[in-house]
């Protein structure tokens, strides 16, 4: 009976919309390759969500910088001018390199709603390493789900006429929901040059939820949600 219940749970898991719980007052926008929840106060996404598959990682679409405002944001998104002269990179949340499977997905990854102000040594250093590791995990596990963004809490500096907040930390959570080894892992990394090994930034998804205030996989059956969000076994992830 217990085995049957688990099978039923797993079948529900595969059919669920695994996006995070909607944030009060925010607009959810679905793009071709990812979804986001736009936070007008901070002029960026509270979260960006997408599935990354083994096949998608092997895509051949070349990067073509097309930074631009997102016309789908009802309140108006951040603009290129907000970042000009700020000293911060326009840091992708859903990486362009994860969207190489489609020219549309690649193009839409350059909407300013998918950007957040990142210290250059962070964006091009530890964050880039984590993004590459996520792609490797997609290959290892056939497919994974990714949620990522800046931690939009506390007193934050702002840049540009639109007042784009500069997060002090960035997070990423990853879910592998393939049997037999369903697992999850989280990261919270300071927006500065990283001086530690990647695995040293790893924490449980429960801990990321406490830091961000976001309920990530709330539509999973409780048994599975509690297991993957509470437990962290870095030996299950190939660093």
Protein backbone atom coordinates (compact mmCIF):
# COMPACT_ATOMS: atom_id res chain seq x y z
CA UNK A 1 0.00 0.00 0.00
CA UNK A 2 2.82 2.39 0.89
CA UNK A 3 4.50 1.70 -2.47
CA UNK A 4 1.20 2.33 -4.29
CA UNK A 5 0.76 5.65 -2.51
CA UNK A 6 4.26 6.72 -3.49
CA UNK A 7 3.58 5.82 -7.13
CA UNK A 8 0.44 7.94 -7.04
CA UNK A 9 2.40 10.79 -5.51
CA UNK A 10 5.04 10.57 -8.22
CA UNK A 11 2.45 10.52 -11.01
CA UNK A 12 0.93 13.67 -9.55
CA UNK A 13 4.36 15.22 -9.33
CA UNK A 14 5.01 14.85 -13.04
CA UNK A 15 1.73 16.55 -13.95
CA UNK A 16 1.98 19.49 -11.56
CA UNK A 17 2.78 23.07 -12.44
CA UNK A 18 5.96 23.37 -10.41
CA UNK A 19 6.27 27.15 -10.41
CA UNK A 20 6.62 28.87 -7.02
CA UNK A 21 3.60 30.17 -5.15
CA UNK A 22 2.38 33.49 -6.59
CA UNK A 23 3.69 36.56 -4.77
CA UNK A 24 1.13 39.11 -3.59
CA UNK A 25 0.78 42.05 -5.97
CA UNK A 26 3.20 40.65 -8.55
CA UNK A 27 2.58 39.87 -12.22
CA UNK A 28 3.42 36.39 -13.48
CA UNK A 29 4.59 36.40 -17.09
CA UNK A 30 5.07 33.25 -19.16
CA UNK A 31 7.71 33.40 -21.86
CA UNK A 32 8.65 30.66 -24.31
CA UNK A 33 11.52 29.31 -22.22
CA UNK A 34 10.78 30.53 -18.71
CA UNK A 35 8.25 32.17 -16.40
CA UNK A 36 8.82 35.07 -14.01
CA UNK A 37 7.12 36.95 -11.21
CA UNK A 38 7.72 40.69 -11.70
CA UNK A 39 8.29 42.80 -8.60
CA UNK A 40 7.51 46.41 -9.45
CA UNK A 41 8.98 47.77 -6.22
CA UNK A 42 12.39 46.36 -7.11
CA UNK A 43 12.02 46.52 -10.94
CA UNK A 44 13.06 42.92 -11.49
CA UNK A 45 11.78 39.40 -11.04
CA UNK A 46 11.31 37.97 -7.55
CA UNK A 47 11.72 34.60 -9.21
CA UNK A 48 12.43 33.12 -12.61
CA UNK A 49 11.40 29.51 -13.20
CA UNK A 50 12.16 27.05 -15.99
CA UNK A 51 12.77 23.41 -16.77
CA UNK A 52 16.13 22.52 -18.29
CA UNK A 53 16.46 19.23 -20.12
CA UNK A 54 19.41 17.25 -21.40
CA UNK A 55 18.36 17.98 -24.99
CA UNK A 56 18.01 21.72 -24.35
CA UNK A 57 21.51 21.97 -22.91
CA UNK A 58 22.81 20.68 -26.24
CA UNK A 59 21.08 23.43 -28.25
CA UNK A 60 23.06 25.25 -30.92
CA UNK A 61 21.41 28.69 -31.06
CA UNK A 62 24.11 31.34 -30.74
CA UNK A 63 23.93 34.16 -28.23
CA UNK A 64 22.91 37.49 -29.70
CA UNK A 65 22.67 40.38 -27.26
CA UNK A 66 19.19 41.90 -27.52
CA UNK A 67 18.79 43.71 -24.20
CA UNK A 68 15.43 45.52 -24.19
CA UNK A 69 12.44 46.45 -22.06
CA UNK A 70 9.78 43.81 -21.57
CA UNK A 71 6.53 45.00 -23.23
CA UNK A 72 4.55 42.42 -21.25
CA UNK A 73 5.19 44.08 -17.88
CA UNK A 74 2.03 46.10 -17.21
CA UNK A 75 3.77 48.60 -14.91
CA UNK A 76 6.79 48.95 -17.20
CA UNK A 77 10.06 47.09 -16.79
CA UNK A 78 13.55 48.37 -16.08
CA UNK A 79 15.43 49.80 -19.04
CA UNK A 80 18.97 49.70 -20.40
CA UNK A 81 19.59 53.25 -19.21
CA UNK A 82 19.07 52.18 -15.58
CA UNK A 83 22.32 50.22 -15.72
CA UNK A 84 24.38 52.73 -17.69
CA UNK A 85 27.33 53.97 -15.66
CA UNK A 86 26.20 52.03 -12.58
CA UNK A 87 29.21 49.70 -12.47
CA UNK A 88 26.91 46.66 -12.37
CA UNK A 89 26.44 43.95 -14.98
CA UNK A 90 23.04 43.26 -16.45
CA UNK A 91 23.06 39.82 -14.88
CA UNK A 92 20.81 37.20 -16.44
CA UNK A 93 18.55 35.27 -14.06
CA UNK A 94 17.54 32.67 -16.65
CA UNK A 95 20.94 32.37 -18.40
CA UNK A 96 21.16 32.87 -22.15
CA UNK A 97 23.25 29.68 -22.29
CA UNK A 98 20.27 27.73 -20.95
CA UNK A 99 18.12 28.98 -23.85
CA UNK A 100 20.26 27.77 -26.76
CA UNK A 101 17.55 25.31 -27.78
CA UNK A 102 15.33 28.00 -29.34
CA UNK A 103 15.91 31.34 -31.03
CA UNK A 104 12.73 32.65 -29.39
CA UNK A 105 13.81 31.50 -25.94
CA UNK A 106 17.26 33.00 -26.50
CA UNK A 107 15.82 36.34 -27.59
CA UNK A 108 13.37 36.53 -24.67
CA UNK A 109 16.16 35.84 -22.19
CA UNK A 110 17.39 39.38 -22.94
CA UNK A 111 14.27 41.14 -21.63
CA UNK A 112 15.30 43.54 -18.87
CA UNK A 113 12.81 41.81 -16.58
CA UNK A 114 15.21 38.85 -16.64
CA UNK A 115 18.12 41.05 -15.52
CA UNK A 116 19.38 42.04 -12.09
CA UNK A 117 22.34 44.27 -11.11
CA UNK A 118 25.30 42.04 -10.39
CA UNK A 119 28.85 42.89 -9.35
CA UNK A 120 30.99 42.00 -12.41
CA UNK A 121 33.33 39.68 -10.48
CA UNK A 122 30.28 37.85 -9.11
CA UNK A 123 28.45 37.59 -12.44
CA UNK A 124 31.52 36.43 -14.33
CA UNK A 125 32.88 34.32 -11.48
CA UNK A 126 31.02 32.21 -8.92
CA UNK A 127 27.58 32.84 -10.50
CA UNK A 128 28.84 31.75 -13.92
CA UNK A 129 30.32 28.62 -12.33
CA UNK A 130 26.98 27.79 -10.73
CA UNK A 131 25.13 28.28 -14.02
CA UNK A 132 27.56 25.91 -15.74
CA UNK A 133 27.11 23.38 -12.94
CA UNK A 134 23.33 23.53 -13.34
CA UNK A 135 23.70 22.65 -17.02
CA UNK A 136 25.90 19.72 -16.06
CA UNK A 137 23.23 18.54 -13.62
CA UNK A 138 20.62 18.72 -16.38
CA UNK A 139 22.79 16.37 -18.40
CA UNK A 140 23.34 14.07 -15.42
CA UNK A 141 19.65 13.90 -14.48
CA UNK A 142 17.93 14.18 -17.90
CA UNK A 143 15.93 17.20 -16.72
CA UNK A 144 15.79 19.54 -13.74
CA UNK A 145 13.70 22.48 -12.58
CA UNK A 146 15.40 25.75 -11.70
CA UNK A 147 14.18 28.77 -9.73
CA UNK A 148 16.47 31.77 -9.35
CA UNK A 149 16.59 35.46 -8.50
CA UNK A 150 17.94 38.10 -6.18
CA UNK A 151 17.02 38.19 -2.51
CA UNK A 152 14.67 41.20 -2.52
CA UNK A 153 14.48 41.83 1.22
CA UNK A 154 15.87 44.44 3.56
CA UNK A 155 17.32 47.83 2.68
CA UNK A 156 18.75 47.73 -0.83
CA UNK A 157 20.57 50.32 -2.92
CA UNK A 158 18.94 51.34 -6.19
CA UNK A 159 20.23 52.35 -9.60
CA UNK A 160 18.74 54.25 -12.53
CA UNK A 161 15.69 56.45 -12.97
CA UNK A 162 13.41 53.44 -12.46
CA UNK A 163 15.02 52.56 -9.14
CA UNK A 164 16.29 49.03 -9.82
CA UNK A 165 17.24 47.39 -6.53
CA UNK A 166 20.70 45.88 -6.12
CA UNK A 167 20.38 42.55 -4.27
CA UNK A 168 23.00 41.75 -1.64
CA UNK A 169 22.51 38.05 -2.29
CA UNK A 170 21.31 35.80 -5.11
CA UNK A 171 19.65 32.43 -4.78
CA UNK A 172 19.12 29.38 -6.94
CA UNK A 173 17.16 26.22 -6.17
CA UNK A 174 17.21 23.06 -8.24
CA UNK A 175 14.77 20.16 -8.24
CA UNK A 176 15.41 16.76 -9.80
CA UNK A 177 12.05 15.03 -9.83
CA UNK A 178 13.07 11.89 -11.66
CA UNK A 179 12.71 8.54 -9.95
CA UNK A 180 14.29 6.81 -8.17
CA UNK A 181 16.36 9.59 -6.62
CA UNK A 182 14.21 12.70 -6.31
CA UNK A 183 16.29 15.44 -4.73
CA UNK A 184 16.71 19.18 -4.29
CA UNK A 185 19.46 21.66 -3.52
CA UNK A 186 19.65 25.38 -2.85
CA UNK A 187 22.25 28.15 -2.98
CA UNK A 188 22.45 31.66 -1.55
CA UNK A 189 25.54 33.59 -2.65
CA UNK A 190 26.63 37.17 -1.81
CA UNK A 191 26.68 39.63 -4.70
CA UNK A 192 30.46 39.93 -4.59
CA UNK A 193 33.51 38.04 -5.75
CA UNK A 194 33.17 34.47 -4.54
CA UNK A 195 36.08 33.10 -2.55
CA UNK A 196 34.69 29.70 -1.58
CA UNK A 197 34.14 26.46 -3.43
CA UNK A 198 30.71 26.12 -5.01
CA UNK A 199 29.45 23.38 -2.71
CA UNK A 200 30.23 25.55 0.32
CA UNK A 201 27.36 27.85 -0.69
CA UNK A 202 24.83 25.01 -0.83
CA UNK A 203 21.95 24.88 1.65
CA UNK A 204 18.56 23.17 1.88
CA UNK A 205 15.62 24.55 -0.08
CA UNK A 206 13.85 25.13 3.25
CA UNK A 207 16.66 27.51 4.23
CA UNK A 208 16.37 29.38 0.92
CA UNK A 209 12.63 29.76 1.54
CA UNK A 210 13.30 31.34 4.94
CA UNK A 211 15.80 33.79 3.42
CA UNK A 212 13.66 34.78 0.41
CA UNK A 213 10.10 34.40 1.69
CA UNK A 214 9.25 32.35 -1.42
CA UNK A 215 7.35 29.05 -1.30
CA UNK A 216 9.05 27.18 -4.12
CA UNK A 217 7.43 23.80 -4.79
CA UNK A 218 4.19 24.22 -2.88
CA UNK A 219 2.11 22.20 -5.34
CA UNK A 220 4.08 19.01 -4.80
CA UNK A 221 2.44 16.40 -2.57
CA UNK A 222 3.41 17.24 1.01
CA UNK A 223 5.35 14.01 1.52
CA UNK A 224 7.66 14.78 -1.40
CA UNK A 225 7.85 18.54 -0.80
CA UNK A 226 8.95 18.13 2.79
CA UNK A 227 11.52 15.50 1.86
CA UNK A 228 13.26 17.38 -0.94
CA UNK A 229 13.09 20.79 0.74
CA UNK A 230 14.26 19.74 4.18
CA UNK A 231 17.00 17.31 3.21
CA UNK A 232 20.31 18.22 1.61
CA UNK A 233 22.78 15.55 0.60
CA UNK A 234 25.52 17.10 -1.53
CA UNK A 235 26.81 13.60 -2.30
CA UNK A 236 23.79 13.24 -4.59
CA UNK A 237 25.03 16.18 -6.68
CA UNK A 238 28.24 15.86 -8.64
CA UNK A 239 30.43 18.84 -7.77
